């Protein structure tokens, strides 16, 4: 099956449709798909830079009332090893981040019924008062949806309050596959597709930027994988609020151990197709945390322009059994050896020095 017709559309900057996307997913011509994705990447980013960020993952609680088959991190309310971090504990983690040149915290936890909006307001104010230079990238759409639900408020009300208290941007966690058939099969008690997207649109409306994600390689069909991308593309057409997209394959846990692990071939092909379909999201981030730095390097030829984060203290993926770690020096070495210039960035992709 020749992909020349699709490549011609890309060269003419014509938007790919659903049929084009399915043709790409059904093709095993990895090199041509990668060539197309790299063409788009170079058109969007004609310089030779690959960006990265130094941030720290802080899981402020491990209590969550949702049940996700792929999550080994969460704890039920009555479990004996639950926790909620105190301000001082979070402050210590931030100080350790600052010591290594970090600028941002990625703060997520779960849907903890004991934590209401006032908890987050005082926490964000504490961080901004004591560490004003820190960018707070926090609370995934399921967490925001849960707050709005239990407090009987709109997403806009919740997000406006949190933004005023110091929340700077919203991460794309909890997206999985944005098709309710898949979400209902994998999760219990989590927000729907429309609710996830609604939180993101509300965040954009109140002036915050967000990231978009996709966790693939489980029970979704190729059509559903593509539908996920189209739903994100539609929101981006309306708001322009997504700064970046990150996809990674499911890390099989004990509940999903019967599933075959996604290969490097499938990861690279899916990543490249995401670059081709999401023509209105500028930045694509590598998932070397799950795939390892070698595949991370190769992905830079498959549409990726960002090497992601240093990821101090990654807990959620590592509890599923697969997680790689790199220092700043190792991140820069991997970028340089792949033929690019490493550049430190902020969440909005503004370069730092």
C-alpha atoms as a PDB file:
ATOM      1  CA  UNK A   1       0.000   0.000   0.000  1.00  0.00           C
ATOM      2  CA  UNK A   2       1.563   3.268  -1.139  1.00  0.00           C
ATOM      3  CA  UNK A   3       1.354   6.258   1.175  1.00  0.00           C
ATOM      4  CA  UNK A   4       2.318   8.765  -1.533  1.00  0.00           C
ATOM      5  CA  UNK A   5      -1.212  10.188  -1.686  1.00  0.00           C
ATOM      6  CA  UNK A   6      -1.113  11.039   2.018  1.00  0.00           C
ATOM      7  CA  UNK A   7       2.414  12.422   1.774  1.00  0.00           C
ATOM      8  CA  UNK A   8       1.278  14.692  -1.067  1.00  0.00           C
ATOM      9  CA  UNK A   9      -1.551  16.034   1.127  1.00  0.00           C
ATOM     10  CA  UNK A  10       0.924  16.718   3.920  1.00  0.00           C
ATOM     11  CA  UNK A  11       3.259  18.586   1.582  1.00  0.00           C
ATOM     12  CA  UNK A  12       0.320  20.725   0.442  1.00  0.00           C
ATOM     13  CA  UNK A  13      -0.547  21.329   4.130  1.00  0.00           C
ATOM     14  CA  UNK A  14      -3.953  19.728   3.685  1.00  0.00           C
ATOM     15  CA  UNK A  15      -5.550  18.343   6.831  1.00  0.00           C
ATOM     16  CA  UNK A  16      -5.678  14.551   7.053  1.00  0.00           C
ATOM     17  CA  UNK A  17      -9.118  12.988   7.505  1.00  0.00           C
ATOM     18  CA  UNK A  18     -10.277   9.868   9.338  1.00  0.00           C
ATOM     19  CA  UNK A  19      -9.761   7.625   6.319  1.00  0.00           C
ATOM     20  CA  UNK A  20      -6.185   8.886   5.969  1.00  0.00           C
ATOM     21  CA  UNK A  21      -5.548   8.106   9.617  1.00  0.00           C
ATOM     22  CA  UNK A  22      -6.878   4.563   9.289  1.00  0.00           C
ATOM     23  CA  UNK A  23      -4.739   3.989   6.214  1.00  0.00           C
ATOM     24  CA  UNK A  24      -1.693   5.015   8.243  1.00  0.00           C
ATOM     25  CA  UNK A  25      -2.588   2.788  11.193  1.00  0.00           C
ATOM     26  CA  UNK A  26      -3.136  -0.220   8.906  1.00  0.00           C
ATOM     27  CA  UNK A  27       0.187   0.313   7.153  1.00  0.00           C
ATOM     28  CA  UNK A  28       3.411  -1.305   8.340  1.00  0.00           C
ATOM     29  CA  UNK A  29       5.584   1.062   6.305  1.00  0.00           C
ATOM     30  CA  UNK A  30       7.195   2.475   9.428  1.00  0.00           C
ATOM     31  CA  UNK A  31       9.976   4.341   7.646  1.00  0.00           C
ATOM     32  CA  UNK A  32       7.656   6.236   5.301  1.00  0.00           C
ATOM     33  CA  UNK A  33       5.312   7.131   8.169  1.00  0.00           C
ATOM     34  CA  UNK A  34       8.324   8.318  10.143  1.00  0.00           C
ATOM     35  CA  UNK A  35       9.594  10.305   7.160  1.00  0.00           C
ATOM     36  CA  UNK A  36       6.243  12.090   6.902  1.00  0.00           C
ATOM     37  CA  UNK A  37       6.170  12.848  10.627  1.00  0.00           C
ATOM     38  CA  UNK A  38       9.727  14.156  10.524  1.00  0.00           C
ATOM     39  CA  UNK A  39       8.782  16.359   7.565  1.00  0.00           C
ATOM     40  CA  UNK A  40       5.977  17.916   9.637  1.00  0.00           C
ATOM     41  CA  UNK A  41       8.246  18.270  12.663  1.00  0.00           C
ATOM     42  CA  UNK A  42      10.875  20.120  10.625  1.00  0.00           C
ATOM     43  CA  UNK A  43       8.234  22.382   9.104  1.00  0.00           C
ATOM     44  CA  UNK A  44       6.952  23.313  12.556  1.00  0.00           C
ATOM     45  CA  UNK A  45      10.423  23.477  14.132  1.00  0.00           C
ATOM     46  CA  UNK A  46      12.977  24.396  11.448  1.00  0.00           C
ATOM     47  CA  UNK A  47      15.737  24.852  14.008  1.00  0.00           C
ATOM     48  CA  UNK A  48      17.765  21.881  15.212  1.00  0.00           C
ATOM     49  CA  UNK A  49      16.639  22.169  18.825  1.00  0.00           C
ATOM     50  CA  UNK A  50      15.135  19.487  21.035  1.00  0.00           C
ATOM     51  CA  UNK A  51      13.674  20.871  24.233  1.00  0.00           C
ATOM     52  CA  UNK A  52      13.364  19.389  27.720  1.00  0.00           C
ATOM     53  CA  UNK A  53      12.260  20.541  31.159  1.00  0.00           C
ATOM     54  CA  UNK A  54      13.466  20.009  34.710  1.00  0.00           C
ATOM     55  CA  UNK A  55      10.500  19.369  36.952  1.00  0.00           C
ATOM     56  CA  UNK A  56       9.417  17.150  39.792  1.00  0.00           C
ATOM     57  CA  UNK A  57       6.461  14.839  40.045  1.00  0.00           C
ATOM     58  CA  UNK A  58       4.714  15.270  43.404  1.00  0.00           C
ATOM     59  CA  UNK A  59       1.868  12.917  44.261  1.00  0.00           C
ATOM     60  CA  UNK A  60       0.219  14.859  47.078  1.00  0.00           C
ATOM     61  CA  UNK A  61      -2.064  11.932  47.981  1.00  0.00           C
ATOM     62  CA  UNK A  62      -2.489   8.293  46.980  1.00  0.00           C
ATOM     63  CA  UNK A  63      -6.167   8.069  47.984  1.00  0.00           C
ATOM     64  CA  UNK A  64      -8.586   7.702  45.074  1.00  0.00           C
ATOM     65  CA  UNK A  65     -12.206   6.583  44.939  1.00  0.00           C
ATOM     66  CA  UNK A  66     -11.868   5.588  41.276  1.00  0.00           C
ATOM     67  CA  UNK A  67     -10.768   2.125  40.247  1.00  0.00           C
ATOM     68  CA  UNK A  68      -8.550   1.894  37.173  1.00  0.00           C
ATOM     69  CA  UNK A  69      -7.399  -1.558  36.055  1.00  0.00           C
ATOM     70  CA  UNK A  70      -4.012  -0.196  34.955  1.00  0.00           C
ATOM     71  CA  UNK A  71      -3.177   1.758  38.147  1.00  0.00           C
ATOM     72  CA  UNK A  72      -1.102   0.174  40.910  1.00  0.00           C
ATOM     73  CA  UNK A  73      -0.503   3.466  42.705  1.00  0.00           C
ATOM     74  CA  UNK A  74      -3.909   4.351  44.167  1.00  0.00           C
ATOM     75  CA  UNK A  75      -5.158   3.304  47.605  1.00  0.00           C
ATOM     76  CA  UNK A  76      -8.690   2.960  48.923  1.00  0.00           C
ATOM     77  CA  UNK A  77      -9.861   5.162  51.776  1.00  0.00           C
ATOM     78  CA  UNK A  78      -9.636   2.359  54.368  1.00  0.00           C
ATOM     79  CA  UNK A  79      -6.191   1.081  53.340  1.00  0.00           C
ATOM     80  CA  UNK A  80      -3.479   1.380  55.973  1.00  0.00           C
ATOM     81  CA  UNK A  81      -0.838   2.990  53.751  1.00  0.00           C
ATOM     82  CA  UNK A  82      -2.761   6.060  52.586  1.00  0.00           C
ATOM     83  CA  UNK A  83      -1.266   9.524  52.835  1.00  0.00           C
ATOM     84  CA  UNK A  84      -1.770  13.232  52.209  1.00  0.00           C
ATOM     85  CA  UNK A  85       1.437  15.267  52.084  1.00  0.00           C
ATOM     86  CA  UNK A  86       1.729  18.243  54.431  1.00  0.00           C
ATOM     87  CA  UNK A  87       2.777  21.632  53.066  1.00  0.00           C
ATOM     88  CA  UNK A  88       6.182  21.276  54.681  1.00  0.00           C
ATOM     89  CA  UNK A  89       6.805  17.931  52.977  1.00  0.00           C
ATOM     90  CA  UNK A  90       5.895  19.410  49.611  1.00  0.00           C
ATOM     91  CA  UNK A  91       8.088  22.422  50.361  1.00  0.00           C
ATOM     92  CA  UNK A  92      11.067  20.168  51.016  1.00  0.00           C
ATOM     93  CA  UNK A  93      10.538  18.425  47.689  1.00  0.00           C
ATOM     94  CA  UNK A  94      10.388  21.794  45.925  1.00  0.00           C
ATOM     95  CA  UNK A  95      13.634  22.905  47.576  1.00  0.00           C
ATOM     96  CA  UNK A  96      15.334  19.744  46.301  1.00  0.00           C
ATOM     97  CA  UNK A  97      14.010  20.547  42.820  1.00  0.00           C
ATOM     98  CA  UNK A  98      15.332  24.110  42.965  1.00  0.00           C
ATOM     99  CA  UNK A  99      18.766  22.777  43.950  1.00  0.00           C
ATOM    100  CA  UNK A 100      19.048  20.958  40.604  1.00  0.00           C
ATOM    101  CA  UNK A 101      17.797  23.925  38.584  1.00  0.00           C
ATOM    102  CA  UNK A 102      14.131  22.955  38.419  1.00  0.00           C
ATOM    103  CA  UNK A 103      11.359  25.373  37.617  1.00  0.00           C
ATOM    104  CA  UNK A 104       8.129  23.374  37.640  1.00  0.00           C
ATOM    105  CA  UNK A 105       6.212  20.836  39.709  1.00  0.00           C
ATOM    106  CA  UNK A 106       3.795  18.324  38.215  1.00  0.00           C
ATOM    107  CA  UNK A 107       1.369  17.703  41.055  1.00  0.00           C
ATOM    108  CA  UNK A 108      -1.294  15.020  40.812  1.00  0.00           C
ATOM    109  CA  UNK A 109      -2.889  12.630  43.260  1.00  0.00           C
ATOM    110  CA  UNK A 110      -6.340  11.143  43.058  1.00  0.00           C
ATOM    111  CA  UNK A 111      -9.992  11.747  43.756  1.00  0.00           C
ATOM    112  CA  UNK A 112      -9.703  11.996  47.527  1.00  0.00           C
ATOM    113  CA  UNK A 113     -13.105  12.768  49.137  1.00  0.00           C
ATOM    114  CA  UNK A 114     -11.466  14.400  52.157  1.00  0.00           C
ATOM    115  CA  UNK A 115      -9.829  17.115  50.021  1.00  0.00           C
ATOM    116  CA  UNK A 116     -11.938  20.029  48.823  1.00  0.00           C
ATOM    117  CA  UNK A 117     -11.114  23.203  46.931  1.00  0.00           C
ATOM    118  CA  UNK A 118      -9.961  25.001  50.080  1.00  0.00           C
ATOM    119  CA  UNK A 119      -7.213  22.383  50.532  1.00  0.00           C
ATOM    120  CA  UNK A 120      -5.794  23.165  47.096  1.00  0.00           C
ATOM    121  CA  UNK A 121      -6.221  26.925  47.533  1.00  0.00           C
ATOM    122  CA  UNK A 122      -4.145  26.973  50.714  1.00  0.00           C
ATOM    123  CA  UNK A 123      -1.581  24.593  49.189  1.00  0.00           C
ATOM    124  CA  UNK A 124      -1.091  26.647  46.031  1.00  0.00           C
ATOM    125  CA  UNK A 125      -0.885  29.869  48.047  1.00  0.00           C
ATOM    126  CA  UNK A 126       1.722  28.291  50.316  1.00  0.00           C
ATOM    127  CA  UNK A 127       3.815  27.318  47.296  1.00  0.00           C
ATOM    128  CA  UNK A 128       3.552  30.733  45.629  1.00  0.00           C
ATOM    129  CA  UNK A 129       4.326  32.606  48.841  1.00  0.00           C
ATOM    130  CA  UNK A 130       7.407  30.513  49.593  1.00  0.00           C
ATOM    131  CA  UNK A 131       8.588  29.559  46.095  1.00  0.00           C
ATOM    132  CA  UNK A 132       7.235  32.234  43.728  1.00  0.00           C
ATOM    133  CA  UNK A 133       9.488  31.109  40.881  1.00  0.00           C
ATOM    134  CA  UNK A 134       7.862  27.670  40.728  1.00  0.00           C
ATOM    135  CA  UNK A 135       5.332  26.923  37.989  1.00  0.00           C
ATOM    136  CA  UNK A 136       2.440  24.821  39.336  1.00  0.00           C
ATOM    137  CA  UNK A 137       1.330  22.307  36.703  1.00  0.00           C
ATOM    138  CA  UNK A 138      -1.308  20.400  38.635  1.00  0.00           C
ATOM    139  CA  UNK A 139      -4.620  18.545  38.905  1.00  0.00           C
ATOM    140  CA  UNK A 140      -5.685  16.375  35.999  1.00  0.00           C
ATOM    141  CA  UNK A 141      -9.200  16.681  34.524  1.00  0.00           C
ATOM    142  CA  UNK A 142     -10.577  13.769  36.620  1.00  0.00           C
ATOM    143  CA  UNK A 143      -9.478  15.556  39.803  1.00  0.00           C
ATOM    144  CA  UNK A 144     -11.027  18.851  38.688  1.00  0.00           C
ATOM    145  CA  UNK A 145     -14.228  17.091  37.598  1.00  0.00           C
ATOM    146  CA  UNK A 146     -14.468  15.361  40.975  1.00  0.00           C
ATOM    147  CA  UNK A 147     -14.068  18.663  42.836  1.00  0.00           C
ATOM    148  CA  UNK A 148     -16.779  20.267  40.719  1.00  0.00           C
ATOM    149  CA  UNK A 149     -19.071  17.295  41.286  1.00  0.00           C
ATOM    150  CA  UNK A 150     -18.797  17.099  45.081  1.00  0.00           C
ATOM    151  CA  UNK A 151     -18.957  20.882  45.505  1.00  0.00           C
ATOM    152  CA  UNK A 152     -21.748  21.309  42.949  1.00  0.00           C
ATOM    153  CA  UNK A 153     -19.857  23.980  41.026  1.00  0.00           C
ATOM    154  CA  UNK A 154     -18.927  24.450  37.395  1.00  0.00           C
ATOM    155  CA  UNK A 155     -15.499  23.627  36.020  1.00  0.00           C
ATOM    156  CA  UNK A 156     -14.996  27.322  35.352  1.00  0.00           C
ATOM    157  CA  UNK A 157     -15.743  28.240  38.969  1.00  0.00           C
ATOM    158  CA  UNK A 158     -13.358  25.612  40.349  1.00  0.00           C
ATOM    159  CA  UNK A 159     -10.564  26.431  37.917  1.00  0.00           C
ATOM    160  CA  UNK A 160     -10.911  30.202  38.328  1.00  0.00           C
ATOM    161  CA  UNK A 161     -10.559  29.829  42.103  1.00  0.00           C
ATOM    162  CA  UNK A 162      -7.533  27.564  41.761  1.00  0.00           C
ATOM    163  CA  UNK A 163      -5.940  29.777  39.109  1.00  0.00           C
ATOM    164  CA  UNK A 164      -6.258  32.816  41.366  1.00  0.00           C
ATOM    165  CA  UNK A 165      -4.639  30.822  44.183  1.00  0.00           C
ATOM    166  CA  UNK A 166      -1.609  29.975  42.033  1.00  0.00           C
ATOM    167  CA  UNK A 167      -2.430  27.112  39.671  1.00  0.00           C
ATOM    168  CA  UNK A 168      -0.580  27.902  36.435  1.00  0.00           C
ATOM    169  CA  UNK A 169      -1.513  25.084  34.058  1.00  0.00           C
ATOM    170  CA  UNK A 170      -3.295  21.735  33.909  1.00  0.00           C
ATOM    171  CA  UNK A 171      -1.692  18.405  32.903  1.00  0.00           C
ATOM    172  CA  UNK A 172      -3.416  15.959  30.595  1.00  0.00           C
ATOM    173  CA  UNK A 173      -3.548  13.008  32.967  1.00  0.00           C
ATOM    174  CA  UNK A 174      -6.527  10.688  33.025  1.00  0.00           C
ATOM    175  CA  UNK A 175      -7.089  10.931  29.291  1.00  0.00           C
ATOM    176  CA  UNK A 176      -6.312   7.290  28.498  1.00  0.00           C
ATOM    177  CA  UNK A 177      -8.490   6.822  25.394  1.00  0.00           C
ATOM    178  CA  UNK A 178     -11.180   9.467  24.922  1.00  0.00           C
ATOM    179  CA  UNK A 179     -13.900   7.008  23.959  1.00  0.00           C
ATOM    180  CA  UNK A 180     -16.452   6.070  26.602  1.00  0.00           C
ATOM    181  CA  UNK A 181     -16.589   2.389  25.668  1.00  0.00           C
ATOM    182  CA  UNK A 182     -12.915   2.084  26.547  1.00  0.00           C
ATOM    183  CA  UNK A 183     -13.139   4.302  29.618  1.00  0.00           C
ATOM    184  CA  UNK A 184     -16.083   2.366  31.030  1.00  0.00           C
ATOM    185  CA  UNK A 185     -14.272  -0.935  30.548  1.00  0.00           C
ATOM    186  CA  UNK A 186     -10.971   0.178  32.117  1.00  0.00           C
ATOM    187  CA  UNK A 187     -12.089   2.555  34.850  1.00  0.00           C
ATOM    188  CA  UNK A 188     -14.817   2.926  37.438  1.00  0.00           C
ATOM    189  CA  UNK A 189     -15.751   6.304  38.888  1.00  0.00           C
ATOM    190  CA  UNK A 190     -13.759   8.439  36.473  1.00  0.00           C
ATOM    191  CA  UNK A 191     -14.956  11.266  34.240  1.00  0.00           C
ATOM    192  CA  UNK A 192     -16.376  10.642  30.784  1.00  0.00           C
ATOM    193  CA  UNK A 193     -14.799  11.749  27.528  1.00  0.00           C
ATOM    194  CA  UNK A 194     -16.978  14.867  27.302  1.00  0.00           C
ATOM    195  CA  UNK A 195     -16.235  15.735  30.935  1.00  0.00           C
ATOM    196  CA  UNK A 196     -12.467  15.369  30.430  1.00  0.00           C
ATOM    197  CA  UNK A 197     -12.588  17.616  27.387  1.00  0.00           C
ATOM    198  CA  UNK A 198     -14.938  20.013  29.186  1.00  0.00           C
ATOM    199  CA  UNK A 199     -12.405  20.539  31.970  1.00  0.00           C
ATOM    200  CA  UNK A 200      -9.719  21.295  29.402  1.00  0.00           C
ATOM    201  CA  UNK A 201     -11.870  23.797  27.538  1.00  0.00           C
ATOM    202  CA  UNK A 202     -12.762  25.492  30.825  1.00  0.00           C
ATOM    203  CA  UNK A 203      -9.067  25.726  31.740  1.00  0.00           C
ATOM    204  CA  UNK A 204      -8.354  27.355  28.395  1.00  0.00           C
ATOM    205  CA  UNK A 205     -11.242  29.773  28.911  1.00  0.00           C
ATOM    206  CA  UNK A 206      -9.874  31.007  32.250  1.00  0.00           C
ATOM    207  CA  UNK A 207      -6.455  31.623  30.719  1.00  0.00           C
ATOM    208  CA  UNK A 208      -4.496  28.470  31.503  1.00  0.00           C
ATOM    209  CA  UNK A 209      -2.594  26.303  29.036  1.00  0.00           C
ATOM    210  CA  UNK A 210      -2.779  22.528  29.262  1.00  0.00           C
ATOM    211  CA  UNK A 211      -1.205  19.404  27.814  1.00  0.00           C
ATOM    212  CA  UNK A 212      -2.939  16.512  26.061  1.00  0.00           C
ATOM    213  CA  UNK A 213      -2.157  12.815  26.415  1.00  0.00           C
ATOM    214  CA  UNK A 214      -3.041   9.358  25.165  1.00  0.00           C
ATOM    215  CA  UNK A 215      -2.372   6.000  26.814  1.00  0.00           C
ATOM    216  CA  UNK A 216      -2.742   3.335  24.146  1.00  0.00           C
ATOM    217  CA  UNK A 217      -2.073  -0.332  23.514  1.00  0.00           C
ATOM    218  CA  UNK A 218      -4.744  -2.055  25.603  1.00  0.00           C
ATOM    219  CA  UNK A 219      -8.386  -2.718  24.697  1.00  0.00           C
ATOM    220  CA  UNK A 220      -8.930   0.138  22.259  1.00  0.00           C
ATOM    221  CA  UNK A 221      -9.394  -0.413  18.537  1.00  0.00           C
ATOM    222  CA  UNK A 222      -7.386   1.523  15.976  1.00  0.00           C
ATOM    223  CA  UNK A 223     -10.567   3.435  15.143  1.00  0.00           C
ATOM    224  CA  UNK A 224     -10.912   4.442  18.801  1.00  0.00           C
ATOM    225  CA  UNK A 225      -7.279   5.484  18.964  1.00  0.00           C
ATOM    226  CA  UNK A 226      -7.928   7.746  16.004  1.00  0.00           C
ATOM    227  CA  UNK A 227     -11.191   9.060  17.467  1.00  0.00           C
ATOM    228  CA  UNK A 228      -9.194  10.147  20.531  1.00  0.00           C
ATOM    229  CA  UNK A 229      -6.932  12.238  18.310  1.00  0.00           C
ATOM    230  CA  UNK A 230      -9.865  13.800  16.487  1.00  0.00           C
ATOM    231  CA  UNK A 231     -11.537  14.840  19.756  1.00  0.00           C
ATOM    232  CA  UNK A 232      -8.330  16.583  20.840  1.00  0.00           C
ATOM    233  CA  UNK A 233      -7.929  18.225  17.447  1.00  0.00           C
ATOM    234  CA  UNK A 234     -11.477  19.598  17.606  1.00  0.00           C
ATOM    235  CA  UNK A 235     -10.869  21.214  21.009  1.00  0.00           C
ATOM    236  CA  UNK A 236      -7.572  22.667  19.826  1.00  0.00           C
ATOM    237  CA  UNK A 237      -9.343  24.167  16.811  1.00  0.00           C
ATOM    238  CA  UNK A 238     -11.686  25.988  19.195  1.00  0.00           C
ATOM    239  CA  UNK A 239      -9.284  27.074  21.935  1.00  0.00           C
ATOM    240  CA  UNK A 240      -5.644  26.660  20.907  1.00  0.00           C
ATOM    241  CA  UNK A 241      -4.911  25.888  24.554  1.00  0.00           C
ATOM    242  CA  UNK A 242      -2.887  22.669  24.302  1.00  0.00           C
ATOM    243  CA  UNK A 243       0.859  23.306  24.359  1.00  0.00           C
ATOM    244  CA  UNK A 244       1.923  19.724  23.749  1.00  0.00           C
ATOM    245  CA  UNK A 245       0.831  16.135  23.254  1.00  0.00           C
ATOM    246  CA  UNK A 246       2.347  13.076  24.929  1.00  0.00           C
ATOM    247  CA  UNK A 247       1.452   9.464  24.193  1.00  0.00           C
ATOM    248  CA  UNK A 248       2.692   6.309  25.853  1.00  0.00           C
ATOM    249  CA  UNK A 249       1.707   2.642  25.835  1.00  0.00           C
ATOM    250  CA  UNK A 250      -0.005   0.905  28.724  1.00  0.00           C
ATOM    251  CA  UNK A 251       2.362  -0.704  31.199  1.00  0.00           C
ATOM    252  CA  UNK A 252       0.625  -4.035  31.944  1.00  0.00           C
ATOM    253  CA  UNK A 253      -0.124  -4.573  35.640  1.00  0.00           C
ATOM    254  CA  UNK A 254      -1.403  -7.639  37.451  1.00  0.00           C
ATOM    255  CA  UNK A 255      -4.982  -6.859  36.361  1.00  0.00           C
ATOM    256  CA  UNK A 256      -3.987  -6.445  32.721  1.00  0.00           C
ATOM    257  CA  UNK A 257      -1.072  -8.866  32.591  1.00  0.00           C
ATOM    258  CA  UNK A 258      -2.816 -10.866  29.863  1.00  0.00           C
ATOM    259  CA  UNK A 259      -2.266  -8.006  27.415  1.00  0.00           C
ATOM    260  CA  UNK A 260       0.773  -8.022  25.161  1.00  0.00           C
ATOM    261  CA  UNK A 261       3.202  -5.182  25.762  1.00  0.00           C
ATOM    262  CA  UNK A 262       3.421  -2.645  22.952  1.00  0.00           C
ATOM    263  CA  UNK A 263       6.565  -3.017  20.842  1.00  0.00           C
ATOM    264  CA  UNK A 264       8.973  -0.245  19.919  1.00  0.00           C
ATOM    265  CA  UNK A 265       7.709  -0.523  16.331  1.00  0.00           C
ATOM    266  CA  UNK A 266       4.112   0.153  17.387  1.00  0.00           C
ATOM    267  CA  UNK A 267       5.148   2.998  19.711  1.00  0.00           C
ATOM    268  CA  UNK A 268       7.111   4.762  16.967  1.00  0.00           C
ATOM    269  CA  UNK A 269       4.358   4.262  14.387  1.00  0.00           C
ATOM    270  CA  UNK A 270       1.661   5.561  16.736  1.00  0.00           C
ATOM    271  CA  UNK A 271       3.799   8.524  17.770  1.00  0.00           C
ATOM    272  CA  UNK A 272       4.408   9.460  14.141  1.00  0.00           C
ATOM    273  CA  UNK A 273       0.712   9.159  13.260  1.00  0.00           C
ATOM    274  CA  UNK A 274      -0.163  11.395  16.213  1.00  0.00           C
ATOM    275  CA  UNK A 275       2.227  14.010  14.810  1.00  0.00           C
ATOM    276  CA  UNK A 276       0.510  13.788  11.426  1.00  0.00           C
ATOM    277  CA  UNK A 277      -3.073  13.921  12.700  1.00  0.00           C
ATOM    278  CA  UNK A 278      -2.609  16.613  15.383  1.00  0.00           C
ATOM    279  CA  UNK A 279      -1.617  19.318  12.937  1.00  0.00           C
ATOM    280  CA  UNK A 280      -2.702  22.100  15.305  1.00  0.00           C
ATOM    281  CA  UNK A 281      -0.649  21.070  18.357  1.00  0.00           C
ATOM    282  CA  UNK A 282       2.892  22.337  17.964  1.00  0.00           C
ATOM    283  CA  UNK A 283       4.859  20.124  20.317  1.00  0.00           C
ATOM    284  CA  UNK A 284       5.183  16.360  20.674  1.00  0.00           C
ATOM    285  CA  UNK A 285       6.923  14.865  23.682  1.00  0.00           C
ATOM    286  CA  UNK A 286       8.934  11.637  23.854  1.00  0.00           C
ATOM    287  CA  UNK A 287       7.974   8.940  26.345  1.00  0.00           C
ATOM    288  CA  UNK A 288      11.427   7.676  27.234  1.00  0.00           C
ATOM    289  CA  UNK A 289      10.216   7.129  30.818  1.00  0.00           C
ATOM    290  CA  UNK A 290       8.280   4.098  29.549  1.00  0.00           C
ATOM    291  CA  UNK A 291      10.210   3.281  26.354  1.00  0.00           C
ATOM    292  CA  UNK A 292      13.768   3.922  27.442  1.00  0.00           C
ATOM    293  CA  UNK A 293      16.239   6.518  26.153  1.00  0.00           C
ATOM    294  CA  UNK A 294      17.219   4.583  23.013  1.00  0.00           C
ATOM    295  CA  UNK A 295      13.672   4.535  21.645  1.00  0.00           C
ATOM    296  CA  UNK A 296      13.408   8.127  22.895  1.00  0.00           C
ATOM    297  CA  UNK A 297      16.318   9.060  20.640  1.00  0.00           C
ATOM    298  CA  UNK A 298      14.802   7.289  17.627  1.00  0.00           C
ATOM    299  CA  UNK A 299      11.457   9.013  18.208  1.00  0.00           C
ATOM    300  CA  UNK A 300      13.165  12.331  17.418  1.00  0.00           C
ATOM    301  CA  UNK A 301      13.072  11.151  13.782  1.00  0.00           C
ATOM    302  CA  UNK A 302       9.380  10.233  14.092  1.00  0.00           C
ATOM    303  CA  UNK A 303       7.832  13.622  14.789  1.00  0.00           C
ATOM    304  CA  UNK A 304       9.032  14.274  18.339  1.00  0.00           C
ATOM    305  CA  UNK A 305      10.618  17.655  19.131  1.00  0.00           C
ATOM    306  CA  UNK A 306      10.674  17.509  22.939  1.00  0.00           C
ATOM    307  CA  UNK A 307      12.496  15.051  25.207  1.00  0.00           C
ATOM    308  CA  UNK A 308      10.137  15.600  28.100  1.00  0.00           C
ATOM    309  CA  UNK A 309      11.093  15.925  31.710  1.00  0.00           C
ATOM    310  CA  UNK A 310      13.842  14.981  34.104  1.00  0.00           C
ATOM    311  CA  UNK A 311      10.945  13.459  36.106  1.00  0.00           C
ATOM    312  CA  UNK A 312      12.287  13.612  39.627  1.00  0.00           C
ATOM    313  CA  UNK A 313      10.247  11.171  41.735  1.00  0.00           C
ATOM    314  CA  UNK A 314       8.038   9.402  39.201  1.00  0.00           C
ATOM    315  CA  UNK A 315       5.708   7.083  41.126  1.00  0.00           C
ATOM    316  CA  UNK A 316       2.691   6.113  39.052  1.00  0.00           C
ATOM    317  CA  UNK A 317       4.406   4.490  36.062  1.00  0.00           C
ATOM    318  CA  UNK A 318       7.120   2.926  38.219  1.00  0.00           C
ATOM    319  CA  UNK A 319       4.543   1.141  40.404  1.00  0.00           C
ATOM    320  CA  UNK A 320       3.320  -0.547  37.226  1.00  0.00           C
ATOM    321  CA  UNK A 321       6.794  -2.018  36.845  1.00  0.00           C
ATOM    322  CA  UNK A 322       8.378  -0.051  34.002  1.00  0.00           C
ATOM    323  CA  UNK A 323      10.208   3.228  34.409  1.00  0.00           C
ATOM    324  CA  UNK A 324      13.515   4.645  33.169  1.00  0.00           C
ATOM    325  CA  UNK A 325      15.431   7.488  34.805  1.00  0.00           C
ATOM    326  CA  UNK A 326      17.919   9.976  33.360  1.00  0.00           C
ATOM    327  CA  UNK A 327      19.933  12.860  34.771  1.00  0.00           C
ATOM    328  CA  UNK A 328      20.069  16.253  33.049  1.00  0.00           C
ATOM    329  CA  UNK A 329      23.484  15.335  31.674  1.00  0.00           C
ATOM    330  CA  UNK A 330      22.123  12.066  30.279  1.00  0.00           C
ATOM    331  CA  UNK A 331      19.132  13.814  28.698  1.00  0.00           C
ATOM    332  CA  UNK A 332      21.432  16.295  26.977  1.00  0.00           C
ATOM    333  CA  UNK A 333      23.814  13.546  25.858  1.00  0.00           C
ATOM    334  CA  UNK A 334      20.965  11.544  24.325  1.00  0.00           C
ATOM    335  CA  UNK A 335      19.728  14.615  22.452  1.00  0.00           C
ATOM    336  CA  UNK A 336      23.204  15.553  21.201  1.00  0.00           C
ATOM    337  CA  UNK A 337      24.053  12.025  20.065  1.00  0.00           C
ATOM    338  CA  UNK A 338      20.821  11.980  18.051  1.00  0.00           C
ATOM    339  CA  UNK A 339      22.082  15.054  16.181  1.00  0.00           C
ATOM    340  CA  UNK A 340      20.155  17.831  17.917  1.00  0.00           C
ATOM    341  CA  UNK A 341      20.831  20.766  20.231  1.00  0.00           C
ATOM    342  CA  UNK A 342      19.343  20.416  23.735  1.00  0.00           C
ATOM    343  CA  UNK A 343      17.420  23.443  24.993  1.00  0.00           C
ATOM    344  CA  UNK A 344      15.916  23.886  28.447  1.00  0.00           C
ATOM    345  CA  UNK A 345      12.324  25.161  28.361  1.00  0.00           C
ATOM    346  CA  UNK A 346       9.322  26.195  30.420  1.00  0.00           C
ATOM    347  CA  UNK A 347       5.845  24.639  30.289  1.00  0.00           C
ATOM    348  CA  UNK A 348       4.776  27.036  27.529  1.00  0.00           C
ATOM    349  CA  UNK A 349       7.920  26.138  25.551  1.00  0.00           C
ATOM    350  CA  UNK A 350       9.647  29.454  26.169  1.00  0.00           C
ATOM    351  CA  UNK A 351      13.367  28.691  26.158  1.00  0.00           C
ATOM    352  CA  UNK A 352      15.419  29.308  29.303  1.00  0.00           C
ATOM    353  CA  UNK A 353      18.751  31.001  28.505  1.00  0.00           C
END
